[in-house]
Every structure is written in structure tokens, then in C-alpha cells.
Amino acid sequence: MPASQDESINDIVARLESISEEIADKALDALKSAHREGAVKRPETERQLSTARRAIEKAIGVLTRLD
């Protein structure tokens, strides 16, 4: 892979990692909020955010394995 394309992929990976962290923070906020409200189950919002985060983590894995 050409160096410029490699740098471009690295930039995308860095942005995805940042987005993943933001989603993790939002999921944690949803859990904390649910706990404060007395919920005993994971809130649906947190589940959806976790699903989105896992998808982004998979994308990061795919991109970092590119030759």
C-alpha cells in the first residue's frame, strides 16, 4: 500500500478510535443515569450504543489489517 494511502487509513482509524471512545462515554452515561433512576436492567440506549461501538471496533480491526 502506498505511504499516502497508509497515512490516510491511519487517519481514519484514529478518527474511528475517537468516535468509539465518545460512544463508550455515552453508554456509560446511560448506565449511570439508569442506575440513578433505580433500573435493574441495562437500558436499551446503552445496548444500542454498545452495538454501535462494537461495529466501529470491528471496522478498526479490518482497517489495521490492510496490507
PDB file of N, CA and C in Angstrom:
ATOM      1  N   MET A   1       0.846  -1.170   0.000  1.00  0.00           N
ATOM      2  CA  MET A   1       0.000   0.000   0.000  1.00  0.00           C
ATOM      3  C   MET A   1       0.894   1.238   0.000  1.00  0.00           C
ATOM      4  N   PRO A   2       0.607   2.214  -0.878  1.00  0.00           N
ATOM      5  CA  PRO A   2       1.415   3.438  -0.913  1.00  0.00           C
ATOM      6  C   PRO A   2       1.377   4.166   0.427  1.00  0.00           C
ATOM      7  N   ALA A   3       2.465   4.874   0.726  1.00  0.00           N
ATOM      8  CA  ALA A   3       2.587   5.563   2.014  1.00  0.00           C
ATOM      9  C   ALA A   3       1.451   6.552   2.248  1.00  0.00           C
ATOM     10  N   SER A   4       1.060   7.304   1.199  1.00  0.00           N
ATOM     11  CA  SER A   4      -0.011   8.293   1.368  1.00  0.00           C
ATOM     12  C   SER A   4      -1.339   7.618   1.695  1.00  0.00           C
ATOM     13  N   GLN A   5      -1.593   6.471   1.088  1.00  0.00           N
ATOM     14  CA  GLN A   5      -2.822   5.735   1.388  1.00  0.00           C
ATOM     15  C   GLN A   5      -2.754   5.163   2.803  1.00  0.00           C
ATOM     16  N   ASP A   6      -1.565   4.715   3.200  1.00  0.00           N
ATOM     17  CA  ASP A   6      -1.364   4.181   4.543  1.00  0.00           C
ATOM     18  C   ASP A   6      -1.636   5.265   5.586  1.00  0.00           C
ATOM     19  N   GLU A   7      -1.163   6.478   5.338  1.00  0.00           N
ATOM     20  CA  GLU A   7      -1.408   7.597   6.251  1.00  0.00           C
ATOM     21  C   GLU A   7      -2.894   7.922   6.305  1.00  0.00           C
ATOM     22  N   SER A   8      -3.560   7.862   5.156  1.00  0.00           N
ATOM     23  CA  SER A   8      -4.991   8.139   5.098  1.00  0.00           C
ATOM     24  C   SER A   8      -5.764   7.112   5.927  1.00  0.00           C
ATOM     25  N   ILE A   9      -5.405   5.851   5.806  1.00  0.00           N
ATOM     26  CA  ILE A   9      -6.045   4.794   6.590  1.00  0.00           C
ATOM     27  C   ILE A   9      -5.790   5.032   8.076  1.00  0.00           C
ATOM     28  N   ASN A  10      -4.565   5.401   8.424  1.00  0.00           N
ATOM     29  CA  ASN A  10      -4.236   5.676   9.826  1.00  0.00           C
ATOM     30  C   ASN A  10      -5.065   6.834  10.376  1.00  0.00           C
ATOM     31  N   ASP A  11      -5.315   7.838   9.542  1.00  0.00           N
ATOM     32  CA  ASP A  11      -6.149   8.965   9.948  1.00  0.00           C
ATOM     33  C   ASP A  11      -7.582   8.508  10.227  1.00  0.00           C
ATOM     34  N   ILE A  12      -8.094   7.664   9.351  1.00  0.00           N
ATOM     35  CA  ILE A  12      -9.456   7.140   9.536  1.00  0.00           C
ATOM     36  C   ILE A  12      -9.528   6.314  10.816  1.00  0.00           C
ATOM     37  N   VAL A  13      -8.533   5.465  11.032  1.00  0.00           N
ATOM     38  CA  VAL A  13      -8.501   4.640  12.237  1.00  0.00           C
ATOM     39  C   VAL A  13      -8.485   5.531  13.481  1.00  0.00           C
ATOM     40  N   ALA A  14      -7.700   6.577  13.457  1.00  0.00           N
ATOM     41  CA  ALA A  14      -7.626   7.489  14.600  1.00  0.00           C
ATOM     42  C   ALA A  14      -8.981   8.146  14.861  1.00  0.00           C
ATOM     43  N   ARG A  15      -9.669   8.554  13.798  1.00  0.00           N
ATOM     44  CA  ARG A  15     -10.988   9.167  13.974  1.00  0.00           C
ATOM     45  C   ARG A  15     -11.986   8.149  14.512  1.00  0.00           C
ATOM     46  N   LEU A  16     -11.923   6.921  13.995  1.00  0.00           N
ATOM     47  CA  LEU A  16     -12.829   5.878  14.479  1.00  0.00           C
ATOM     48  C   LEU A  16     -12.570   5.556  15.953  1.00  0.00           C
ATOM     49  N   GLU A  17     -11.305   5.549  16.342  1.00  0.00           N
ATOM     50  CA  GLU A  17     -10.975   5.296  17.749  1.00  0.00           C
ATOM     51  C   GLU A  17     -11.560   6.392  18.640  1.00  0.00           C
ATOM     52  N   SER A  18     -11.489   7.621  18.174  1.00  0.00           N
ATOM     53  CA  SER A  18     -12.055   8.740  18.923  1.00  0.00           C
ATOM     54  C   SER A  18     -13.573   8.600  19.040  1.00  0.00           C
ATOM     55  N   ILE A  19     -14.212   8.238  17.951  1.00  0.00           N
ATOM     56  CA  ILE A  19     -15.665   8.043  17.955  1.00  0.00           C
ATOM     57  C   ILE A  19     -16.038   6.897  18.886  1.00  0.00           C
ATOM     58  N   SER A  20     -15.269   5.827  18.856  1.00  0.00           N
ATOM     59  CA  SER A  20     -15.526   4.693  19.738  1.00  0.00           C
ATOM     60  C   SER A  20     -15.472   5.124  21.201  1.00  0.00           C
ATOM     61  N   GLU A  21     -14.493   5.942  21.539  1.00  0.00           N
ATOM     62  CA  GLU A  21     -14.381   6.441  22.915  1.00  0.00           C
ATOM     63  C   GLU A  21     -15.571   7.318  23.291  1.00  0.00           C
ATOM     64  N   GLU A  22     -16.017   8.155  22.359  1.00  0.00           N
ATOM     65  CA  GLU A  22     -17.177   9.007  22.621  1.00  0.00           C
ATOM     66  C   GLU A  22     -18.421   8.161  22.873  1.00  0.00           C
ATOM     67  N   ILE A  23     -18.596   7.123  22.063  1.00  0.00           N
ATOM     68  CA  ILE A  23     -19.750   6.235  22.230  1.00  0.00           C
ATOM     69  C   ILE A  23     -19.663   5.515  23.573  1.00  0.00           C
ATOM     70  N   ALA A  24     -18.469   5.072  23.950  1.00  0.00           N
ATOM     71  CA  ALA A  24     -18.297   4.409  25.246  1.00  0.00           C
ATOM     72  C   ALA A  24     -18.687   5.351  26.381  1.00  0.00           C
ATOM     73  N   ASP A  25     -18.304   6.614  26.266  1.00  0.00           N
ATOM     74  CA  ASP A  25     -18.671   7.597  27.284  1.00  0.00           C
ATOM     75  C   ASP A  25     -20.187   7.771  27.367  1.00  0.00           C
ATOM     76  N   LYS A  26     -20.844   7.833  26.215  1.00  0.00           N
ATOM     77  CA  LYS A  26     -22.303   7.983  26.191  1.00  0.00           C
ATOM     78  C   LYS A  26     -22.979   6.744  26.781  1.00  0.00           C
ATOM     79  N   ALA A  27     -22.447   5.568  26.479  1.00  0.00           N
ATOM     80  CA  ALA A  27     -23.016   4.341  27.032  1.00  0.00           C
ATOM     81  C   ALA A  27     -22.879   4.324  28.550  1.00  0.00           C
ATOM     82  N   LEU A  28     -21.734   4.749  29.040  1.00  0.00           N
ATOM     83  CA  LEU A  28     -21.528   4.807  30.482  1.00  0.00           C
ATOM     84  C   LEU A  28     -22.479   5.819  31.122  1.00  0.00           C
ATOM     85  N   ASP A  29     -22.684   6.951  30.465  1.00  0.00           N
ATOM     86  CA  ASP A  29     -23.639   7.940  30.964  1.00  0.00           C
ATOM     87  C   ASP A  29     -25.043   7.345  31.053  1.00  0.00           C
ATOM     88  N   ALA A  30     -25.414   6.553  30.032  1.00  0.00           N
ATOM     89  CA  ALA A  30     -26.737   5.920  30.039  1.00  0.00           C
ATOM     90  C   ALA A  30     -26.862   4.933  31.192  1.00  0.00           C
ATOM     91  N   LEU A  31     -25.799   4.181  31.451  1.00  0.00           N
ATOM     92  CA  LEU A  31     -25.817   3.242  32.579  1.00  0.00           C
ATOM     93  C   LEU A  31     -25.932   3.977  33.911  1.00  0.00           C
ATOM     94  N   LYS A  32     -25.161   5.024  34.070  1.00  0.00           N
ATOM     95  CA  LYS A  32     -25.207   5.797  35.314  1.00  0.00           C
ATOM     96  C   LYS A  32     -26.599   6.399  35.535  1.00  0.00           C
ATOM     97  N   SER A  33     -27.168   6.926  34.480  1.00  0.00           N
ATOM     98  CA  SER A  33     -28.494   7.523  34.571  1.00  0.00           C
ATOM     99  C   SER A  33     -29.530   6.474  34.958  1.00  0.00           C
ATOM    100  N   ALA A  34     -29.462   5.326  34.329  1.00  0.00           N
ATOM    101  CA  ALA A  34     -30.401   4.247  34.646  1.00  0.00           C
ATOM    102  C   ALA A  34     -30.238   3.805  36.097  1.00  0.00           C
ATOM    103  N   HIS A  35     -29.017   3.737  36.552  1.00  0.00           N
ATOM    104  CA  HIS A  35     -28.759   3.337  37.940  1.00  0.00           C
ATOM    105  C   HIS A  35     -29.355   4.346  38.922  1.00  0.00           C
ATOM    106  N   ARG A  36     -29.152   5.634  38.615  1.00  0.00           N
ATOM    107  CA  ARG A  36     -29.709   6.686  39.473  1.00  0.00           C
ATOM    108  C   ARG A  36     -31.236   6.592  39.545  1.00  0.00           C
ATOM    109  N   GLU A  37     -31.848   6.169  38.430  1.00  0.00           N
ATOM    110  CA  GLU A  37     -33.306   6.063  38.365  1.00  0.00           C
ATOM    111  C   GLU A  37     -33.814   4.746  38.952  1.00  0.00           C
ATOM    112  N   GLY A  38     -32.902   3.883  39.409  1.00  0.00           N
ATOM    113  CA  GLY A  38     -33.304   2.642  40.048  1.00  0.00           C
ATOM    114  C   GLY A  38     -33.523   1.470  39.103  1.00  0.00           C
ATOM    115  N   ALA A  39     -33.090   1.592  37.874  1.00  0.00           N
ATOM    116  CA  ALA A  39     -33.257   0.498  36.912  1.00  0.00           C
ATOM    117  C   ALA A  39     -32.419  -0.710  37.337  1.00  0.00           C
ATOM    118  N   VAL A  40     -32.937  -1.886  37.047  1.00  0.00           N
ATOM    119  CA  VAL A  40     -32.199  -3.109  37.376  1.00  0.00           C
ATOM    120  C   VAL A  40     -31.682  -3.807  36.119  1.00  0.00           C
ATOM    121  N   LYS A  41     -32.111  -3.353  34.950  1.00  0.00           N
ATOM    122  CA  LYS A  41     -31.646  -3.903  33.674  1.00  0.00           C
ATOM    123  C   LYS A  41     -30.882  -2.836  32.904  1.00  0.00           C
ATOM    124  N   ARG A  42     -30.043  -3.317  31.987  1.00  0.00           N
ATOM    125  CA  ARG A  42     -29.331  -2.378  31.112  1.00  0.00           C
ATOM    126  C   ARG A  42     -30.341  -1.627  30.252  1.00  0.00           C
ATOM    127  N   PRO A  43     -30.203  -0.315  30.149  1.00  0.00           N
ATOM    128  CA  PRO A  43     -31.132   0.439  29.304  1.00  0.00           C
ATOM    129  C   PRO A  43     -30.901   0.127  27.824  1.00  0.00           C
ATOM    130  N   GLU A  44     -31.962   0.204  27.048  1.00  0.00           N
ATOM    131  CA  GLU A  44     -31.885  -0.081  25.615  1.00  0.00           C
ATOM    132  C   GLU A  44     -30.902   0.855  24.917  1.00  0.00           C
ATOM    133  N   THR A  45     -30.862   2.099  25.331  1.00  0.00           N
ATOM    134  CA  THR A  45     -29.930   3.060  24.734  1.00  0.00           C
ATOM    135  C   THR A  45     -28.492   2.573  24.889  1.00  0.00           C
ATOM    136  N   GLU A  46     -28.157   2.088  26.069  1.00  0.00           N
ATOM    137  CA  GLU A  46     -26.799   1.597  26.313  1.00  0.00           C
ATOM    138  C   GLU A  46     -26.510   0.391  25.445  1.00  0.00           C
ATOM    139  N   ARG A  47     -27.481  -0.483  25.288  1.00  0.00           N
ATOM    140  CA  ARG A  47     -27.291  -1.673  24.432  1.00  0.00           C
ATOM    141  C   ARG A  47     -27.019  -1.266  22.984  1.00  0.00           C
ATOM    142  N   GLN A  48     -27.795  -0.322  22.490  1.00  0.00           N
ATOM    143  CA  GLN A  48     -27.617   0.129  21.109  1.00  0.00           C
ATOM    144  C   GLN A  48     -26.271   0.823  20.930  1.00  0.00           C
ATOM    145  N   LEU A  49     -25.891   1.632  21.902  1.00  0.00           N
ATOM    146  CA  LEU A  49     -24.591   2.287  21.825  1.00  0.00           C
ATOM    147  C   LEU A  49     -23.457   1.260  21.851  1.00  0.00           C
ATOM    148  N   SER A  50     -23.597   0.244  22.664  1.00  0.00           N
ATOM    149  CA  SER A  50     -22.570  -0.804  22.731  1.00  0.00           C
ATOM    150  C   SER A  50     -22.478  -1.569  21.411  1.00  0.00           C
ATOM    151  N   THR A  51     -23.610  -1.807  20.787  1.00  0.00           N
ATOM    152  CA  THR A  51     -23.617  -2.470  19.475  1.00  0.00           C
ATOM    153  C   THR A  51     -22.899  -1.610  18.436  1.00  0.00           C
ATOM    154  N   ALA A  52     -23.182  -0.317  18.460  1.00  0.00           N
ATOM    155  CA  ALA A  52     -22.521   0.598  17.521  1.00  0.00           C
ATOM    156  C   ALA A  52     -21.020   0.632  17.782  1.00  0.00           C
ATOM    157  N   ARG A  53     -20.638   0.653  19.029  1.00  0.00           N
ATOM    158  CA  ARG A  53     -19.215   0.691  19.369  1.00  0.00           C
ATOM    159  C   ARG A  53     -18.509  -0.579  18.896  1.00  0.00           C
ATOM    160  N   ARG A  54     -19.142  -1.722  19.090  1.00  0.00           N
ATOM    161  CA  ARG A  54     -18.530  -2.980  18.622  1.00  0.00           C
ATOM    162  C   ARG A  54     -18.341  -2.965  17.106  1.00  0.00           C
ATOM    163  N   ALA A  55     -19.307  -2.420  16.388  1.00  0.00           N
ATOM    164  CA  ALA A  55     -19.189  -2.326  14.931  1.00  0.00           C
ATOM    165  C   ALA A  55     -18.005  -1.446  14.541  1.00  0.00           C
ATOM    166  N   ILE A  56     -17.825  -0.354  15.244  1.00  0.00           N
ATOM    167  CA  ILE A  56     -16.695   0.533  14.958  1.00  0.00           C
ATOM    168  C   ILE A  56     -15.379  -0.161  15.289  1.00  0.00           C
ATOM    169  N   GLU A  57     -15.348  -0.897  16.392  1.00  0.00           N
ATOM    170  CA  GLU A  57     -14.135  -1.633  16.759  1.00  0.00           C
ATOM    171  C   GLU A  57     -13.801  -2.681  15.702  1.00  0.00           C
ATOM    172  N   LYS A  58     -14.815  -3.313  15.129  1.00  0.00           N
ATOM    173  CA  LYS A  58     -14.572  -4.276  14.042  1.00  0.00           C
ATOM    174  C   LYS A  58     -13.986  -3.566  12.823  1.00  0.00           C
ATOM    175  N   ALA A  59     -14.531  -2.411  12.502  1.00  0.00           N
ATOM    176  CA  ALA A  59     -14.006  -1.642  11.372  1.00  0.00           C
ATOM    177  C   ALA A  59     -12.552  -1.252  11.603  1.00  0.00           C
ATOM    178  N   ILE A  60     -12.242  -0.858  12.814  1.00  0.00           N
ATOM    179  CA  ILE A  60     -10.846  -0.512  13.149  1.00  0.00           C
ATOM    180  C   ILE A  60      -9.957  -1.723  12.924  1.00  0.00           C
ATOM    181  N   GLY A  61     -10.406  -2.884  13.372  1.00  0.00           N
ATOM    182  CA  GLY A  61      -9.625  -4.108  13.187  1.00  0.00           C
ATOM    183  C   GLY A  61      -9.387  -4.422  11.722  1.00  0.00           C
ATOM    184  N   VAL A  62     -10.405  -4.285  10.916  1.00  0.00           N
ATOM    185  CA  VAL A  62     -10.275  -4.548   9.480  1.00  0.00           C
ATOM    186  C   VAL A  62      -9.273  -3.574   8.857  1.00  0.00           C
ATOM    187  N   LEU A  63      -9.415  -2.309   9.177  1.00  0.00           N
ATOM    188  CA  LEU A  63      -8.543  -1.291   8.583  1.00  0.00           C
ATOM    189  C   LEU A  63      -7.096  -1.457   9.017  1.00  0.00           C
ATOM    190  N   THR A  64      -6.863  -1.865  10.249  1.00  0.00           N
ATOM    191  CA  THR A  64      -5.481  -2.004  10.709  1.00  0.00           C
ATOM    192  C   THR A  64      -4.811  -3.240  10.128  1.00  0.00           C
ATOM    193  N   ARG A  65      -5.597  -4.170   9.608  1.00  0.00           N
ATOM    194  CA  ARG A  65      -5.021  -5.370   8.986  1.00  0.00           C
ATOM    195  C   ARG A  65      -4.776  -5.217   7.486  1.00  0.00           C
ATOM    196  N   LEU A  66      -5.129  -4.076   6.920  1.00  0.00           N
ATOM    197  CA  LEU A  66      -4.897  -3.869   5.482  1.00  0.00           C
ATOM    198  C   LEU A  66      -3.395  -3.879   5.198  1.00  0.00           C
ATOM    199  N   ASP A  67      -3.046  -4.456   4.093  1.00  0.00           N
ATOM    200  CA  ASP A  67      -1.625  -4.517   3.691  1.00  0.00           C
ATOM    201  C   ASP A  67      -1.207  -3.255   2.980  1.00  0.00           C
TER     202      ASP A  67
END
